[in-house]
Amino acid sequence: AAGTDTQSYVCMEVGMGLAKGIQLARSKKFAAAIEAINKCKKDMALIGGSHAQRNLFELVLADSGKKLGY
């Protein structure tokens, strides 16, 4: 992630941002979790994986929103 190429961007910005969102949701910081995941959402497909695997992040967003009363 220390480089300047596309893979470095994907690891540092997208991968770490999504991981941070999951960690924030687990820490019951739901608004921050939503913000972190939404920030990465447009580039989420760059991390690869199946649609079902990436759907995990959508589920965390929905659950965090529900916990905040959205």
N, C-alpha and C. Protein backbone atom coordinates (compact mmCIF):
# COMPACT_ATOMS: atom_id res chain seq x y z
N ALA A 1 0.82 -1.21 0.00
CA ALA A 1 0.00 0.00 0.00
C ALA A 1 0.85 1.26 0.00
N ALA A 2 2.16 1.11 0.07
CA ALA A 2 3.02 2.28 0.15
C ALA A 2 3.30 2.92 -1.20
N GLY A 3 2.94 2.26 -2.29
CA GLY A 3 3.23 2.78 -3.62
C GLY A 3 2.24 3.82 -4.08
N THR A 4 2.35 4.16 -5.36
CA THR A 4 1.46 5.16 -5.95
C THR A 4 0.63 4.58 -7.09
N ASP A 5 0.70 3.27 -7.28
CA ASP A 5 -0.04 2.64 -8.37
C ASP A 5 -1.48 2.35 -7.94
N THR A 6 -2.25 1.81 -8.87
CA THR A 6 -3.67 1.53 -8.60
C THR A 6 -3.85 0.53 -7.47
N GLN A 7 -3.04 -0.52 -7.45
CA GLN A 7 -3.19 -1.54 -6.40
C GLN A 7 -2.91 -0.95 -5.02
N SER A 8 -1.96 -0.05 -4.93
CA SER A 8 -1.68 0.61 -3.65
C SER A 8 -2.87 1.44 -3.20
N TYR A 9 -3.48 2.16 -4.15
CA TYR A 9 -4.67 2.94 -3.84
C TYR A 9 -5.79 2.04 -3.33
N VAL A 10 -6.00 0.93 -4.03
CA VAL A 10 -7.07 0.01 -3.66
C VAL A 10 -6.84 -0.52 -2.25
N CYS A 11 -5.62 -0.92 -1.95
CA CYS A 11 -5.31 -1.45 -0.61
C CYS A 11 -5.49 -0.39 0.47
N MET A 12 -4.87 0.75 0.25
CA MET A 12 -4.83 1.77 1.30
C MET A 12 -6.16 2.49 1.48
N GLU A 13 -6.73 2.95 0.39
CA GLU A 13 -7.95 3.76 0.51
C GLU A 13 -9.22 2.92 0.59
N VAL A 14 -9.35 1.97 -0.30
CA VAL A 14 -10.59 1.20 -0.36
C VAL A 14 -10.59 0.08 0.69
N GLY A 15 -9.58 -0.76 0.64
CA GLY A 15 -9.52 -1.89 1.58
C GLY A 15 -9.47 -1.45 3.03
N MET A 16 -8.59 -0.52 3.33
CA MET A 16 -8.48 -0.06 4.71
C MET A 16 -9.71 0.74 5.13
N GLY A 17 -10.28 1.50 4.21
CA GLY A 17 -11.49 2.25 4.53
C GLY A 17 -12.67 1.33 4.86
N LEU A 18 -12.81 0.27 4.08
CA LEU A 18 -13.88 -0.69 4.35
C LEU A 18 -13.63 -1.44 5.65
N ALA A 19 -12.38 -1.80 5.89
CA ALA A 19 -12.05 -2.47 7.16
C ALA A 19 -12.33 -1.56 8.35
N LYS A 20 -12.01 -0.28 8.19
CA LYS A 20 -12.29 0.69 9.25
C LYS A 20 -13.79 0.80 9.50
N GLY A 21 -14.57 0.77 8.43
CA GLY A 21 -16.02 0.83 8.57
C GLY A 21 -16.57 -0.35 9.35
N ILE A 22 -16.06 -1.53 9.06
CA ILE A 22 -16.48 -2.74 9.80
C ILE A 22 -16.10 -2.61 11.28
N GLN A 23 -14.87 -2.16 11.53
CA GLN A 23 -14.40 -2.01 12.91
C GLN A 23 -15.24 -0.99 13.66
N LEU A 24 -15.58 0.11 13.01
CA LEU A 24 -16.41 1.13 13.65
C LEU A 24 -17.80 0.60 13.96
N ALA A 25 -18.36 -0.17 13.05
CA ALA A 25 -19.69 -0.76 13.29
C ALA A 25 -19.63 -1.71 14.48
N ARG A 26 -18.57 -2.51 14.55
CA ARG A 26 -18.43 -3.45 15.68
C ARG A 26 -18.26 -2.70 17.00
N SER A 27 -17.71 -1.47 16.93
CA SER A 27 -17.52 -0.65 18.13
C SER A 27 -18.74 0.22 18.43
N LYS A 28 -19.83 -0.04 17.69
CA LYS A 28 -21.09 0.69 17.87
C LYS A 28 -20.99 2.17 17.53
N LYS A 29 -20.06 2.51 16.67
CA LYS A 29 -19.91 3.88 16.16
C LYS A 29 -20.53 3.90 14.77
N PHE A 30 -21.85 3.79 14.74
CA PHE A 30 -22.57 3.53 13.51
C PHE A 30 -22.51 4.67 12.50
N ALA A 31 -22.60 5.90 12.95
CA ALA A 31 -22.52 7.03 12.02
C ALA A 31 -21.15 7.08 11.35
N ALA A 32 -20.11 6.86 12.12
CA ALA A 32 -18.75 6.85 11.56
C ALA A 32 -18.56 5.67 10.62
N ALA A 33 -19.17 4.53 10.94
CA ALA A 33 -19.08 3.36 10.07
C ALA A 33 -19.73 3.65 8.72
N ILE A 34 -20.90 4.27 8.75
CA ILE A 34 -21.59 4.62 7.51
C ILE A 34 -20.74 5.57 6.68
N GLU A 35 -20.16 6.55 7.31
CA GLU A 35 -19.31 7.52 6.61
C GLU A 35 -18.10 6.84 5.98
N ALA A 36 -17.43 5.97 6.72
CA ALA A 36 -16.24 5.29 6.21
C ALA A 36 -16.55 4.39 5.02
N ILE A 37 -17.63 3.64 5.12
CA ILE A 37 -17.99 2.73 4.03
C ILE A 37 -18.50 3.50 2.82
N ASN A 38 -19.31 4.51 3.04
CA ASN A 38 -19.81 5.32 1.92
C ASN A 38 -18.69 6.00 1.16
N LYS A 39 -17.64 6.39 1.86
CA LYS A 39 -16.49 7.04 1.23
C LYS A 39 -15.83 6.10 0.21
N CYS A 40 -15.89 4.80 0.44
CA CYS A 40 -15.24 3.81 -0.42
C CYS A 40 -16.19 3.19 -1.43
N LYS A 41 -17.46 3.47 -1.30
CA LYS A 41 -18.48 2.74 -2.05
C LYS A 41 -18.29 2.79 -3.56
N LYS A 42 -17.93 3.94 -4.11
CA LYS A 42 -17.81 4.05 -5.57
C LYS A 42 -16.68 3.19 -6.13
N ASP A 43 -15.69 2.88 -5.33
CA ASP A 43 -14.55 2.08 -5.78
C ASP A 43 -14.56 0.66 -5.22
N MET A 44 -15.63 0.27 -4.58
CA MET A 44 -15.68 -1.02 -3.90
C MET A 44 -15.41 -2.20 -4.84
N ALA A 45 -15.86 -2.13 -6.07
CA ALA A 45 -15.66 -3.24 -7.00
C ALA A 45 -14.17 -3.49 -7.27
N LEU A 46 -13.33 -2.50 -7.05
CA LEU A 46 -11.89 -2.65 -7.29
C LEU A 46 -11.23 -3.65 -6.35
N ILE A 47 -11.87 -3.93 -5.21
CA ILE A 47 -11.26 -4.88 -4.28
C ILE A 47 -11.43 -6.32 -4.74
N GLY A 48 -12.27 -6.52 -5.75
CA GLY A 48 -12.50 -7.87 -6.26
C GLY A 48 -13.51 -8.61 -5.41
N GLY A 49 -13.49 -9.91 -5.51
CA GLY A 49 -14.45 -10.73 -4.79
C GLY A 49 -15.78 -10.78 -5.53
N SER A 50 -16.63 -11.63 -5.07
CA SER A 50 -17.94 -11.79 -5.70
C SER A 50 -18.88 -10.68 -5.23
N HIS A 51 -19.99 -10.58 -5.92
CA HIS A 51 -21.02 -9.62 -5.49
C HIS A 51 -21.49 -9.97 -4.08
N ALA A 52 -21.61 -11.25 -3.80
CA ALA A 52 -22.05 -11.68 -2.47
C ALA A 52 -21.05 -11.27 -1.40
N GLN A 53 -19.77 -11.37 -1.70
CA GLN A 53 -18.76 -10.97 -0.72
C GLN A 53 -18.80 -9.46 -0.49
N ARG A 54 -18.91 -8.70 -1.57
CA ARG A 54 -18.97 -7.24 -1.42
C ARG A 54 -20.29 -6.80 -0.80
N ASN A 55 -21.32 -7.60 -0.90
CA ASN A 55 -22.61 -7.29 -0.30
C ASN A 55 -22.51 -7.17 1.22
N LEU A 56 -21.50 -7.80 1.80
CA LEU A 56 -21.28 -7.69 3.25
C LEU A 56 -21.23 -6.23 3.69
N PHE A 57 -20.56 -5.39 2.90
CA PHE A 57 -20.44 -3.98 3.26
C PHE A 57 -21.79 -3.26 3.16
N GLU A 58 -22.60 -3.65 2.18
CA GLU A 58 -23.95 -3.10 2.08
C GLU A 58 -24.79 -3.50 3.30
N LEU A 59 -24.61 -4.72 3.76
CA LEU A 59 -25.34 -5.18 4.94
C LEU A 59 -24.91 -4.42 6.19
N VAL A 60 -23.62 -4.14 6.31
CA VAL A 60 -23.14 -3.35 7.46
C VAL A 60 -23.73 -1.94 7.40
N LEU A 61 -23.79 -1.36 6.20
CA LEU A 61 -24.41 -0.04 6.05
C LEU A 61 -25.87 -0.07 6.49
N ALA A 62 -26.60 -1.06 6.00
CA ALA A 62 -28.02 -1.16 6.35
C ALA A 62 -28.22 -1.37 7.85
N ASP A 63 -27.41 -2.23 8.43
CA ASP A 63 -27.53 -2.51 9.87
C ASP A 63 -27.18 -1.27 10.68
N SER A 64 -26.13 -0.56 10.28
CA SER A 64 -25.73 0.65 11.00
C SER A 64 -26.82 1.70 10.91
N GLY A 65 -27.40 1.85 9.72
CA GLY A 65 -28.51 2.79 9.57
C GLY A 65 -29.69 2.43 10.43
N LYS A 66 -30.01 1.15 10.46
CA LYS A 66 -31.12 0.67 11.29
C LYS A 66 -30.87 0.97 12.76
N LYS A 67 -29.64 0.76 13.20
CA LYS A 67 -29.30 1.02 14.61
C LYS A 67 -29.41 2.50 14.95
N LEU A 68 -29.23 3.37 13.93
CA LEU A 68 -29.36 4.80 14.14
C LEU A 68 -30.79 5.30 13.93
N GLY A 69 -31.68 4.39 13.56
CA GLY A 69 -33.08 4.76 13.37
C GLY A 69 -33.41 5.28 11.99
N TYR A 70 -32.56 5.02 11.00
CA TYR A 70 -32.83 5.45 9.62
C TYR A 70 -33.80 4.52 8.97
